[in-house]
Amino acid sequence: TPLRNGLTLGSQDKKASTRALYRKVFRGGPGAGWIGGAAPAVVACPQFLALGPVYHFLNAQIRDALR
């Protein structure tokens, strides 16, 4: 996210102002602020979509096994 990218830049340049940091974050245009989010999303989306159905399936299986 732009906030995370700005914080990362701020940790490396302690004298820069908030405005200067965000200028660096969005230097490549509006979409540049979200660089770095695509790779984790590729892994996170399937996990997020499978979490609910897998939980309910396993919950039902374990509940039946304990009866």
C-alpha atoms as a PDB file:
ATOM      1  CA  THR A   1       0.000   0.000   0.000  1.00  0.00           C
ATOM      2  CA  PRO A   2       1.133   3.583  -0.390  1.00  0.00           C
ATOM      3  CA  LEU A   3       1.336   3.982   3.394  1.00  0.00           C
ATOM      4  CA  ARG A   4       3.607   0.960   3.749  1.00  0.00           C
ATOM      5  CA  ASN A   5       5.782   2.130   0.868  1.00  0.00           C
ATOM      6  CA  GLY A   6       5.984   5.624   2.378  1.00  0.00           C
ATOM      7  CA  LEU A   7       6.962   4.201   5.773  1.00  0.00           C
ATOM      8  CA  THR A   8       9.661   2.084   4.154  1.00  0.00           C
ATOM      9  CA  LEU A   9      11.092   5.122   2.386  1.00  0.00           C
ATOM     10  CA  GLY A  10      10.818   7.140   5.612  1.00  0.00           C
ATOM     11  CA  SER A  11      12.824   4.560   7.530  1.00  0.00           C
ATOM     12  CA  GLN A  12      15.656   5.032   5.047  1.00  0.00           C
ATOM     13  CA  ASP A  13      15.459   8.853   4.883  1.00  0.00           C
ATOM     14  CA  LYS A  14      14.685  10.264   8.326  1.00  0.00           C
ATOM     15  CA  LYS A  15      15.007  13.904   7.208  1.00  0.00           C
ATOM     16  CA  ALA A  16      12.405  13.727   4.413  1.00  0.00           C
ATOM     17  CA  SER A  17       8.978  15.249   5.005  1.00  0.00           C
ATOM     18  CA  THR A  18       5.761  13.309   4.626  1.00  0.00           C
ATOM     19  CA  ARG A  19       5.001  15.184   1.420  1.00  0.00           C
ATOM     20  CA  ALA A  20       8.412  14.337  -0.031  1.00  0.00           C
ATOM     21  CA  LEU A  21       7.993  10.672   0.844  1.00  0.00           C
ATOM     22  CA  TYR A  22       4.585  10.455  -0.806  1.00  0.00           C
ATOM     23  CA  ARG A  23       5.946  12.293  -3.825  1.00  0.00           C
ATOM     24  CA  LYS A  24       8.520   9.494  -4.131  1.00  0.00           C
ATOM     25  CA  VAL A  25       5.845   6.806  -3.630  1.00  0.00           C
ATOM     26  CA  PHE A  26       3.662   8.189  -6.442  1.00  0.00           C
ATOM     27  CA  ARG A  27       6.533   9.262  -8.714  1.00  0.00           C
ATOM     28  CA  GLY A  28       5.485   6.762 -11.408  1.00  0.00           C
ATOM     29  CA  GLY A  29       1.804   7.754 -11.324  1.00  0.00           C
ATOM     30  CA  PRO A  30      -1.182   6.777  -9.200  1.00  0.00           C
ATOM     31  CA  GLY A  31      -0.638   3.035  -9.643  1.00  0.00           C
ATOM     32  CA  ALA A  32       2.975   3.248  -8.508  1.00  0.00           C
ATOM     33  CA  GLY A  33       1.923   3.552  -4.864  1.00  0.00           C
ATOM     34  CA  TRP A  34       0.633   0.002  -4.831  1.00  0.00           C
ATOM     35  CA  ILE A  35       3.779  -1.650  -6.221  1.00  0.00           C
ATOM     36  CA  GLY A  36       4.644  -4.830  -4.368  1.00  0.00           C
ATOM     37  CA  GLY A  37       1.108  -5.920  -3.582  1.00  0.00           C
ATOM     38  CA  ALA A  38       0.560  -8.225  -6.563  1.00  0.00           C
ATOM     39  CA  ALA A  39       2.945 -11.004  -5.515  1.00  0.00           C
ATOM     40  CA  PRO A  40       1.434 -11.554  -2.036  1.00  0.00           C
ATOM     41  CA  ALA A  41      -2.092 -11.268  -3.481  1.00  0.00           C
ATOM     42  CA  VAL A  42      -1.438 -14.173  -5.857  1.00  0.00           C
ATOM     43  CA  VAL A  43      -0.902 -16.421  -2.838  1.00  0.00           C
ATOM     44  CA  ALA A  44      -3.371 -14.748  -0.474  1.00  0.00           C
ATOM     45  CA  CYS A  45      -6.451 -14.841  -2.729  1.00  0.00           C
ATOM     46  CA  PRO A  46      -6.695 -18.639  -3.079  1.00  0.00           C
ATOM     47  CA  GLN A  47      -6.004 -19.069   0.631  1.00  0.00           C
ATOM     48  CA  PHE A  48      -8.718 -16.547   1.506  1.00  0.00           C
ATOM     49  CA  LEU A  49     -11.247 -18.160  -0.850  1.00  0.00           C
ATOM     50  CA  ALA A  50     -10.522 -21.688   0.414  1.00  0.00           C
ATOM     51  CA  LEU A  51     -10.433 -20.865   4.118  1.00  0.00           C
ATOM     52  CA  GLY A  52     -14.193 -20.837   4.733  1.00  0.00           C
ATOM     53  CA  PRO A  53     -15.166 -23.949   2.755  1.00  0.00           C
ATOM     54  CA  VAL A  54     -12.211 -25.968   4.075  1.00  0.00           C
ATOM     55  CA  TYR A  55     -13.030 -24.959   7.647  1.00  0.00           C
ATOM     56  CA  HIS A  56     -16.672 -25.980   7.326  1.00  0.00           C
ATOM     57  CA  PHE A  57     -15.763 -29.275   5.635  1.00  0.00           C
ATOM     58  CA  LEU A  58     -13.213 -30.197   8.304  1.00  0.00           C
ATOM     59  CA  ASN A  59     -15.520 -29.028  11.091  1.00  0.00           C
ATOM     60  CA  ALA A  60     -18.279 -31.321   9.842  1.00  0.00           C
ATOM     61  CA  GLN A  61     -15.866 -34.254   9.423  1.00  0.00           C
ATOM     62  CA  ILE A  62     -14.398 -33.880  12.905  1.00  0.00           C
ATOM     63  CA  ARG A  63     -17.843 -33.386  14.481  1.00  0.00           C
ATOM     64  CA  ASP A  64     -19.066 -36.592  12.803  1.00  0.00           C
ATOM     65  CA  ALA A  65     -15.926 -38.486  13.868  1.00  0.00           C
ATOM     66  CA  LEU A  66     -16.376 -37.463  17.518  1.00  0.00           C
ATOM     67  CA  ARG A  67     -19.983 -38.687  17.700  1.00  0.00           C
END
